[in-house]
Amino acid sequence: GVFGAFVVRQTQDLYLDTYDVDSPDHVLVLQDW
């Protein structure tokens, strides 16, 4: 259970306009359990 997401966002995201929604709540972490 000692794991989690680590997201480093770019200061200038060239693709930002292509996202419908860019939310920190939309990070998915997969792990064998």
PDB file of all heavy atoms in Angstrom:
ATOM      1  N   GLY A   1       0.763  -1.241   0.000  1.00  0.00           N
ATOM      2  CA  GLY A   1       0.000   0.000   0.000  1.00  0.00           C
ATOM      3  C   GLY A   1       0.793   1.290   0.000  1.00  0.00           C
ATOM      4  O   GLY A   1       0.209   2.365  -0.017  1.00  0.00           O
ATOM      5  N   VAL A   2       2.121   1.229   0.012  1.00  0.00           N
ATOM      6  CA  VAL A   2       2.921   2.453   0.064  1.00  0.00           C
ATOM      7  C   VAL A   2       3.262   2.886  -1.368  1.00  0.00           C
ATOM      8  O   VAL A   2       4.326   2.566  -1.900  1.00  0.00           O
ATOM      9  CB  VAL A   2       4.193   2.265   0.929  1.00  0.00           C
ATOM     10  CG1 VAL A   2       4.952   3.578   1.053  1.00  0.00           C
ATOM     11  CG2 VAL A   2       3.822   1.729   2.309  1.00  0.00           C
ATOM     12  N   PHE A   3       2.314   3.583  -1.989  1.00  0.00           N
ATOM     13  CA  PHE A   3       2.483   4.077  -3.358  1.00  0.00           C
ATOM     14  C   PHE A   3       1.442   5.163  -3.625  1.00  0.00           C
ATOM     15  O   PHE A   3       0.453   5.284  -2.910  1.00  0.00           O
ATOM     16  CB  PHE A   3       2.337   2.944  -4.382  1.00  0.00           C
ATOM     17  CG  PHE A   3       0.954   2.355  -4.443  1.00  0.00           C
ATOM     18  CD1 PHE A   3       0.007   2.850  -5.327  1.00  0.00           C
ATOM     19  CD2 PHE A   3       0.595   1.307  -3.604  1.00  0.00           C
ATOM     20  CE1 PHE A   3      -1.274   2.308  -5.377  1.00  0.00           C
ATOM     21  CE2 PHE A   3      -0.679   0.764  -3.643  1.00  0.00           C
ATOM     22  CZ  PHE A   3      -1.617   1.270  -4.531  1.00  0.00           C
ATOM     23  N   GLY A   4       1.698   5.958  -4.672  1.00  0.00           N
ATOM     24  CA  GLY A   4       0.745   6.996  -5.059  1.00  0.00           C
ATOM     25  C   GLY A   4       1.201   7.719  -6.316  1.00  0.00           C
ATOM     26  O   GLY A   4       2.296   7.487  -6.831  1.00  0.00           O
ATOM     27  N   ALA A   5       0.367   8.604  -6.801  1.00  0.00           N
ATOM     28  CA  ALA A   5       0.646   9.357  -8.029  1.00  0.00           C
ATOM     29  C   ALA A   5       1.642  10.487  -7.763  1.00  0.00           C
ATOM     30  O   ALA A   5       1.647  11.087  -6.692  1.00  0.00           O
ATOM     31  CB  ALA A   5      -0.644   9.939  -8.587  1.00  0.00           C
ATOM     32  N   PHE A   6       2.458  10.771  -8.769  1.00  0.00           N
ATOM     33  CA  PHE A   6       3.408  11.888  -8.724  1.00  0.00           C
ATOM     34  C   PHE A   6       3.361  12.557 -10.100  1.00  0.00           C
ATOM     35  O   PHE A   6       3.884  12.027 -11.075  1.00  0.00           O
ATOM     36  CB  PHE A   6       4.803  11.374  -8.386  1.00  0.00           C
ATOM     37  CG  PHE A   6       5.874  12.425  -8.357  1.00  0.00           C
ATOM     38  CD1 PHE A   6       5.627  13.705  -7.889  1.00  0.00           C
ATOM     39  CD2 PHE A   6       7.148  12.128  -8.783  1.00  0.00           C
ATOM     40  CE1 PHE A   6       6.623  14.664  -7.849  1.00  0.00           C
ATOM     41  CE2 PHE A   6       8.165  13.077  -8.757  1.00  0.00           C
ATOM     42  CZ  PHE A   6       7.899  14.346  -8.291  1.00  0.00           C
ATOM     43  N   VAL A   7       2.690  13.693 -10.176  1.00  0.00           N
ATOM     44  CA  VAL A   7       2.474  14.386 -11.445  1.00  0.00           C
ATOM     45  C   VAL A   7       3.250  15.695 -11.438  1.00  0.00           C
ATOM     46  O   VAL A   7       3.115  16.500 -10.518  1.00  0.00           O
ATOM     47  CB  VAL A   7       0.970  14.666 -11.681  1.00  0.00           C
ATOM     48  CG1 VAL A   7       0.757  15.412 -12.991  1.00  0.00           C
ATOM     49  CG2 VAL A   7       0.176  13.373 -11.647  1.00  0.00           C
ATOM     50  N   VAL A   8       4.063  15.883 -12.472  1.00  0.00           N
ATOM     51  CA  VAL A   8       4.803  17.133 -12.662  1.00  0.00           C
ATOM     52  C   VAL A   8       4.262  17.778 -13.934  1.00  0.00           C
ATOM     53  O   VAL A   8       4.499  17.300 -15.041  1.00  0.00           O
ATOM     54  CB  VAL A   8       6.327  16.889 -12.771  1.00  0.00           C
ATOM     55  CG1 VAL A   8       7.067  18.210 -12.972  1.00  0.00           C
ATOM     56  CG2 VAL A   8       6.847  16.149 -11.550  1.00  0.00           C
ATOM     57  N   ARG A   9       3.508  18.848 -13.764  1.00  0.00           N
ATOM     58  CA  ARG A   9       2.889  19.533 -14.903  1.00  0.00           C
ATOM     59  C   ARG A   9       3.885  20.504 -15.533  1.00  0.00           C
ATOM     60  O   ARG A   9       4.643  21.160 -14.833  1.00  0.00           O
ATOM     61  CB  ARG A   9       1.642  20.284 -14.452  1.00  0.00           C
ATOM     62  CG  ARG A   9       0.567  19.366 -13.938  1.00  0.00           C
ATOM     63  CD  ARG A   9      -0.686  20.145 -13.563  1.00  0.00           C
ATOM     64  NE  ARG A   9      -1.725  19.257 -13.115  1.00  0.00           N
ATOM     65  CZ  ARG A   9      -2.551  18.578 -13.915  1.00  0.00           C
ATOM     66  NH1 ARG A   9      -2.446  18.710 -15.221  1.00  0.00           N
ATOM     67  NH2 ARG A   9      -3.467  17.785 -13.418  1.00  0.00           N
ATOM     68  N   GLN A  10       3.827  20.595 -16.846  1.00  0.00           N
ATOM     69  CA  GLN A  10       4.680  21.540 -17.559  1.00  0.00           C
ATOM     70  C   GLN A  10       4.172  22.956 -17.350  1.00  0.00           C
ATOM     71  O   GLN A  10       2.959  23.196 -17.298  1.00  0.00           O
ATOM     72  CB  GLN A  10       4.713  21.225 -19.049  1.00  0.00           C
ATOM     73  CG  GLN A  10       5.478  19.960 -19.361  1.00  0.00           C
ATOM     74  CD  GLN A  10       5.562  19.716 -20.841  1.00  0.00           C
ATOM     75  OE1 GLN A  10       4.548  19.641 -21.507  1.00  0.00           O
ATOM     76  NE2 GLN A  10       6.774  19.579 -21.343  1.00  0.00           N
ATOM     77  N   THR A  11       5.102  23.884 -17.232  1.00  0.00           N
ATOM     78  CA  THR A  11       4.714  25.279 -17.022  1.00  0.00           C
ATOM     79  C   THR A  11       3.998  25.840 -18.241  1.00  0.00           C
ATOM     80  O   THR A  11       3.115  26.672 -18.111  1.00  0.00           O
ATOM     81  CB  THR A  11       5.941  26.139 -16.692  1.00  0.00           C
ATOM     82  OG1 THR A  11       6.941  25.924 -17.683  1.00  0.00           O
ATOM     83  CG2 THR A  11       6.497  25.767 -15.327  1.00  0.00           C
ATOM     84  N   GLN A  12       4.383  25.386 -19.420  1.00  0.00           N
ATOM     85  CA  GLN A  12       3.708  25.803 -20.649  1.00  0.00           C
ATOM     86  C   GLN A  12       3.301  24.541 -21.402  1.00  0.00           C
ATOM     87  O   GLN A  12       4.110  23.941 -22.099  1.00  0.00           O
ATOM     88  CB  GLN A  12       4.613  26.680 -21.504  1.00  0.00           C
ATOM     89  CG  GLN A  12       4.937  28.004 -20.839  1.00  0.00           C
ATOM     90  CD  GLN A  12       5.843  28.865 -21.701  1.00  0.00           C
ATOM     91  OE1 GLN A  12       6.551  28.372 -22.567  1.00  0.00           O
ATOM     92  NE2 GLN A  12       5.810  30.160 -21.459  1.00  0.00           N
ATOM     93  N   ASP A  13       2.044  24.134 -21.252  1.00  0.00           N
ATOM     94  CA  ASP A  13       1.533  22.931 -21.887  1.00  0.00           C
ATOM     95  C   ASP A  13       1.037  23.280 -23.286  1.00  0.00           C
ATOM     96  O   ASP A  13       0.007  23.928 -23.453  1.00  0.00           O
ATOM     97  CB  ASP A  13       0.406  22.335 -21.043  1.00  0.00           C
ATOM     98  CG  ASP A  13      -0.052  20.975 -21.543  1.00  0.00           C
ATOM     99  OD1 ASP A  13       0.333  20.577 -22.671  1.00  0.00           O
ATOM    100  OD2 ASP A  13      -0.780  20.307 -20.797  1.00  0.00           O
ATOM    101  N   LEU A  14       1.778  22.853 -24.282  1.00  0.00           N
ATOM    102  CA  LEU A  14       1.441  23.167 -25.667  1.00  0.00           C
ATOM    103  C   LEU A  14       0.144  22.504 -26.128  1.00  0.00           C
ATOM    104  O   LEU A  14      -0.453  22.918 -27.112  1.00  0.00           O
ATOM    105  CB  LEU A  14       2.590  22.753 -26.588  1.00  0.00           C
ATOM    106  CG  LEU A  14       3.941  23.415 -26.311  1.00  0.00           C
ATOM    107  CD1 LEU A  14       5.010  22.847 -27.232  1.00  0.00           C
ATOM    108  CD2 LEU A  14       3.837  24.917 -26.470  1.00  0.00           C
ATOM    109  N   TYR A  15      -0.302  21.480 -25.405  1.00  0.00           N
ATOM    110  CA  TYR A  15      -1.492  20.732 -25.807  1.00  0.00           C
ATOM    111  C   TYR A  15      -2.715  21.061 -24.959  1.00  0.00           C
ATOM    112  O   TYR A  15      -3.746  20.418 -25.081  1.00  0.00           O
ATOM    113  CB  TYR A  15      -1.208  19.230 -25.746  1.00  0.00           C
ATOM    114  CG  TYR A  15      -0.070  18.832 -26.650  1.00  0.00           C
ATOM    115  CD1 TYR A  15       1.194  18.577 -26.126  1.00  0.00           C
ATOM    116  CD2 TYR A  15      -0.246  18.737 -28.022  1.00  0.00           C
ATOM    117  CE1 TYR A  15       2.246  18.227 -26.954  1.00  0.00           C
ATOM    118  CE2 TYR A  15       0.802  18.393 -28.854  1.00  0.00           C
ATOM    119  CZ  TYR A  15       2.042  18.143 -28.310  1.00  0.00           C
ATOM    120  OH  TYR A  15       3.079  17.811 -29.136  1.00  0.00           O
ATOM    121  N   LEU A  16      -2.634  22.064 -24.121  1.00  0.00           N
ATOM    122  CA  LEU A  16      -3.725  22.390 -23.199  1.00  0.00           C
ATOM    123  C   LEU A  16      -5.052  22.614 -23.918  1.00  0.00           C
ATOM    124  O   LEU A  16      -6.108  22.199 -23.434  1.00  0.00           O
ATOM    125  CB  LEU A  16      -3.358  23.618 -22.361  1.00  0.00           C
ATOM    126  CG  LEU A  16      -4.309  23.959 -21.226  1.00  0.00           C
ATOM    127  CD1 LEU A  16      -4.404  22.806 -20.234  1.00  0.00           C
ATOM    128  CD2 LEU A  16      -3.850  25.213 -20.506  1.00  0.00           C
ATOM    129  N   ASP A  17      -5.013  23.213 -25.078  1.00  0.00           N
ATOM    130  CA  ASP A  17      -6.250  23.484 -25.825  1.00  0.00           C
ATOM    131  C   ASP A  17      -6.909  22.221 -26.378  1.00  0.00           C
ATOM    132  O   ASP A  17      -8.072  22.252 -26.782  1.00  0.00           O
ATOM    133  CB  ASP A  17      -5.977  24.451 -26.981  1.00  0.00           C
ATOM    134  CG  ASP A  17      -5.566  25.830 -26.490  1.00  0.00           C
ATOM    135  OD1 ASP A  17      -5.913  26.175 -25.338  1.00  0.00           O
ATOM    136  OD2 ASP A  17      -4.910  26.559 -27.251  1.00  0.00           O
ATOM    137  N   THR A  18      -6.198  21.116 -26.401  1.00  0.00           N
ATOM    138  CA  THR A  18      -6.763  19.873 -26.942  1.00  0.00           C
ATOM    139  C   THR A  18      -7.502  19.058 -25.885  1.00  0.00           C
ATOM    140  O   THR A  18      -8.157  18.083 -26.218  1.00  0.00           O
ATOM    141  CB  THR A  18      -5.659  18.999 -27.567  1.00  0.00           C
ATOM    142  OG1 THR A  18      -4.746  18.597 -26.536  1.00  0.00           O
ATOM    143  CG2 THR A  18      -4.923  19.751 -28.661  1.00  0.00           C
ATOM    144  N   TYR A  19      -7.415  19.429 -24.606  1.00  0.00           N
ATOM    145  CA  TYR A  19      -8.080  18.693 -23.534  1.00  0.00           C
ATOM    146  C   TYR A  19      -9.503  19.215 -23.355  1.00  0.00           C
ATOM    147  O   TYR A  19      -9.735  20.417 -23.376  1.00  0.00           O
ATOM    148  CB  TYR A  19      -7.364  18.867 -22.194  1.00  0.00           C
ATOM    149  CG  TYR A  19      -5.893  18.536 -22.182  1.00  0.00           C
ATOM    150  CD1 TYR A  19      -5.020  19.262 -21.390  1.00  0.00           C
ATOM    151  CD2 TYR A  19      -5.366  17.496 -22.929  1.00  0.00           C
ATOM    152  CE1 TYR A  19      -3.666  18.970 -21.345  1.00  0.00           C
ATOM    153  CE2 TYR A  19      -4.018  17.193 -22.894  1.00  0.00           C
ATOM    154  CZ  TYR A  19      -3.176  17.932 -22.104  1.00  0.00           C
ATOM    155  OH  TYR A  19      -1.850  17.641 -22.066  1.00  0.00           O
ATOM    156  N   ASP A  20     -10.445  18.314 -23.155  1.00  0.00           N
ATOM    157  CA  ASP A  20     -11.792  18.727 -22.760  1.00  0.00           C
ATOM    158  C   ASP A  20     -11.765  19.202 -21.314  1.00  0.00           C
ATOM    159  O   ASP A  20     -12.298  20.243 -20.979  1.00  0.00           O
ATOM    160  CB  ASP A  20     -12.781  17.576 -22.898  1.00  0.00           C
ATOM    161  CG  ASP A  20     -13.044  17.201 -24.352  1.00  0.00           C
ATOM    162  OD1 ASP A  20     -12.914  18.095 -25.218  1.00  0.00           O
ATOM    163  OD2 ASP A  20     -13.356  16.038 -24.606  1.00  0.00           O
ATOM    164  N   VAL A  21     -11.137  18.399 -20.467  1.00  0.00           N
ATOM    165  CA  VAL A  21     -11.017  18.716 -19.046  1.00  0.00           C
ATOM    166  C   VAL A  21      -9.619  18.311 -18.603  1.00  0.00           C
ATOM    167  O   VAL A  21      -9.160  17.206 -18.909  1.00  0.00           O
ATOM    168  CB  VAL A  21     -12.067  17.952 -18.200  1.00  0.00           C
ATOM    169  CG1 VAL A  21     -11.869  18.218 -16.730  1.00  0.00           C
ATOM    170  CG2 VAL A  21     -13.474  18.307 -18.630  1.00  0.00           C
ATOM    171  N   ASP A  22      -8.938  19.183 -17.903  1.00  0.00           N
ATOM    172  CA  ASP A  22      -7.632  18.862 -17.323  1.00  0.00           C
ATOM    173  C   ASP A  22      -7.757  19.076 -15.824  1.00  0.00           C
ATOM    174  O   ASP A  22      -7.644  20.192 -15.337  1.00  0.00           O
ATOM    175  CB  ASP A  22      -6.547  19.752 -17.923  1.00  0.00           C
ATOM    176  CG  ASP A  22      -5.162  19.399 -17.394  1.00  0.00           C
ATOM    177  OD1 ASP A  22      -4.993  18.270 -16.888  1.00  0.00           O
ATOM    178  OD2 ASP A  22      -4.259  20.243 -17.474  1.00  0.00           O
ATOM    179  N   SER A  23      -8.031  18.000 -15.105  1.00  0.00           N
ATOM    180  CA  SER A  23      -8.301  18.102 -13.679  1.00  0.00           C
ATOM    181  C   SER A  23      -7.373  17.200 -12.879  1.00  0.00           C
ATOM    182  O   SER A  23      -7.164  16.037 -13.257  1.00  0.00           O
ATOM    183  CB  SER A  23      -9.755  17.708 -13.396  1.00  0.00           C
ATOM    184  OG  SER A  23      -9.982  17.610 -12.014  1.00  0.00           O
ATOM    185  N   PRO A  24      -6.848  17.696 -11.764  1.00  0.00           N
ATOM    186  CA  PRO A  24      -6.028  16.846 -10.886  1.00  0.00           C
ATOM    187  C   PRO A  24      -6.805  15.644 -10.351  1.00  0.00           C
ATOM    188  O   PRO A  24      -6.213  14.657  -9.947  1.00  0.00           O
ATOM    189  CB  PRO A  24      -5.633  17.776  -9.746  1.00  0.00           C
ATOM    190  CG  PRO A  24      -5.814  19.149 -10.281  1.00  0.00           C
ATOM    191  CD  PRO A  24      -6.898  19.069 -11.295  1.00  0.00           C
ATOM    192  N   ASP A  25      -8.139  15.703 -10.381  1.00  0.00           N
ATOM    193  CA  ASP A  25      -8.955  14.583  -9.914  1.00  0.00           C
ATOM    194  C   ASP A  25      -8.989  13.425 -10.900  1.00  0.00           C
ATOM    195  O   ASP A  25      -9.518  12.355 -10.587  1.00  0.00           O
ATOM    196  CB  ASP A  25     -10.392  15.046  -9.645  1.00  0.00           C
ATOM    197  CG  ASP A  25     -10.475  16.047  -8.512  1.00  0.00           C
ATOM    198  OD1 ASP A  25      -9.615  15.997  -7.609  1.00  0.00           O
ATOM    199  OD2 ASP A  25     -11.388  16.883  -8.528  1.00  0.00           O
ATOM    200  N   HIS A  26      -8.437  13.597 -12.084  1.00  0.00           N
ATOM    201  CA  HIS A  26      -8.514  12.585 -13.118  1.00  0.00           C
ATOM    202  C   HIS A  26      -7.220  11.788 -13.274  1.00  0.00           C
ATOM    203  O   HIS A  26      -6.897  11.351 -14.367  1.00  0.00           O
ATOM    204  CB  HIS A  26      -8.885  13.221 -14.457  1.00  0.00           C
ATOM    205  CG  HIS A  26     -10.261  13.790 -14.468  1.00  0.00           C
ATOM    206  ND1 HIS A  26     -10.722  14.608 -15.467  1.00  0.00           N
ATOM    207  CD2 HIS A  26     -11.292  13.681 -13.599  1.00  0.00           C
ATOM    208  CE1 HIS A  26     -11.955  14.968 -15.211  1.00  0.00           C
ATOM    209  NE2 HIS A  26     -12.323  14.418 -14.080  1.00  0.00           N
ATOM    210  N   VAL A  27      -6.507  11.592 -12.197  1.00  0.00           N
ATOM    211  CA  VAL A  27      -5.291  10.781 -12.232  1.00  0.00           C
ATOM    212  C   VAL A  27      -5.649   9.385 -11.753  1.00  0.00           C
ATOM    213  O   VAL A  27      -6.269   9.203 -10.705  1.00  0.00           O
ATOM    214  CB  VAL A  27      -4.187  11.385 -11.333  1.00  0.00           C
ATOM    215  CG1 VAL A  27      -2.971  10.471 -11.294  1.00  0.00           C
ATOM    216  CG2 VAL A  27      -3.796  12.758 -11.851  1.00  0.00           C
ATOM    217  N   LEU A  28      -5.270   8.390 -12.518  1.00  0.00           N
ATOM    218  CA  LEU A  28      -5.578   7.003 -12.213  1.00  0.00           C
ATOM    219  C   LEU A  28      -4.290   6.283 -11.841  1.00  0.00           C
ATOM    220  O   LEU A  28      -3.305   6.350 -12.573  1.00  0.00           O
ATOM    221  CB  LEU A  28      -6.228   6.343 -13.433  1.00  0.00           C
ATOM    222  CG  LEU A  28      -6.662   4.906 -13.312  1.00  0.00           C
ATOM    223  CD1 LEU A  28      -7.783   4.774 -12.275  1.00  0.00           C
ATOM    224  CD2 LEU A  28      -7.145   4.396 -14.659  1.00  0.00           C
ATOM    225  N   VAL A  29      -4.301   5.590 -10.709  1.00  0.00           N
ATOM    226  CA  VAL A  29      -3.147   4.807 -10.261  1.00  0.00           C
ATOM    227  C   VAL A  29      -3.565   3.344 -10.234  1.00  0.00           C
ATOM    228  O   VAL A  29      -4.549   2.993  -9.581  1.00  0.00           O
ATOM    229  CB  VAL A  29      -2.678   5.246  -8.850  1.00  0.00           C
ATOM    230  CG1 VAL A  29      -1.505   4.400  -8.402  1.00  0.00           C
ATOM    231  CG2 VAL A  29      -2.306   6.714  -8.848  1.00  0.00           C
ATOM    232  N   LEU A  30      -2.833   2.497 -10.935  1.00  0.00           N
ATOM    233  CA  LEU A  30      -3.120   1.060 -10.968  1.00  0.00           C
ATOM    234  C   LEU A  30      -2.056   0.329 -10.156  1.00  0.00           C
ATOM    235  O   LEU A  30      -0.874   0.670 -10.222  1.00  0.00           O
ATOM    236  CB  LEU A  30      -3.118   0.539 -12.397  1.00  0.00           C
ATOM    237  CG  LEU A  30      -4.143   1.151 -13.348  1.00  0.00           C
ATOM    238  CD1 LEU A  30      -3.971   0.583 -14.748  1.00  0.00           C
ATOM    239  CD2 LEU A  30      -5.554   0.946 -12.852  1.00  0.00           C
ATOM    240  N   GLN A  31      -2.501  -0.686  -9.434  1.00  0.00           N
ATOM    241  CA  GLN A  31      -1.573  -1.453  -8.605  1.00  0.00           C
ATOM    242  C   GLN A  31      -2.155  -2.845  -8.405  1.00  0.00           C
ATOM    243  O   GLN A  31      -3.367  -2.997  -8.235  1.00  0.00           O
ATOM    244  CB  GLN A  31      -1.393  -0.759  -7.245  1.00  0.00           C
ATOM    245  CG  GLN A  31      -0.629  -1.530  -6.211  1.00  0.00           C
ATOM    246  CD  GLN A  31       0.869  -1.589  -6.484  1.00  0.00           C
ATOM    247  OE1 GLN A  31       1.365  -1.053  -7.463  1.00  0.00           O
ATOM    248  NE2 GLN A  31       1.594  -2.248  -5.625  1.00  0.00           N
ATOM    249  N   ASP A  32      -1.308  -3.846  -8.417  1.00  0.00           N
ATOM    250  CA  ASP A  32      -1.766  -5.188  -8.049  1.00  0.00           C
ATOM    251  C   ASP A  32      -2.175  -5.158  -6.587  1.00  0.00           C
ATOM    252  O   ASP A  32      -1.490  -4.558  -5.748  1.00  0.00           O
ATOM    253  CB  ASP A  32      -0.645  -6.214  -8.231  1.00  0.00           C
ATOM    254  CG  ASP A  32      -0.300  -6.446  -9.683  1.00  0.00           C
ATOM    255  OD1 ASP A  32      -1.212  -6.309 -10.526  1.00  0.00           O
ATOM    256  OD2 ASP A  32       0.858  -6.753  -9.975  1.00  0.00           O
ATOM    257  N   TRP A  33      -3.275  -5.797  -6.250  1.00  0.00           N
ATOM    258  CA  TRP A  33      -3.737  -5.824  -4.867  1.00  0.00           C
ATOM    259  C   TRP A  33      -4.176  -7.245  -4.540  1.00  0.00           C
ATOM    260  O   TRP A  33      -5.063  -7.804  -5.185  1.00  0.00           O
ATOM    261  CB  TRP A  33      -4.890  -4.830  -4.659  1.00  0.00           C
ATOM    262  CG  TRP A  33      -5.279  -4.707  -3.239  1.00  0.00           C
ATOM    263  CD1 TRP A  33      -6.448  -5.124  -2.668  1.00  0.00           C
ATOM    264  CD2 TRP A  33      -4.494  -4.139  -2.189  1.00  0.00           C
ATOM    265  NE1 TRP A  33      -6.437  -4.833  -1.326  1.00  0.00           N
ATOM    266  CE2 TRP A  33      -5.252  -4.247  -0.996  1.00  0.00           C
ATOM    267  CE3 TRP A  33      -3.227  -3.564  -2.119  1.00  0.00           C
ATOM    268  CZ2 TRP A  33      -4.784  -3.785   0.221  1.00  0.00           C
ATOM    269  CZ3 TRP A  33      -2.770  -3.110  -0.916  1.00  0.00           C
ATOM    270  CH2 TRP A  33      -3.539  -3.212   0.248  1.00  0.00           C
TER     271      TRP A  33
END
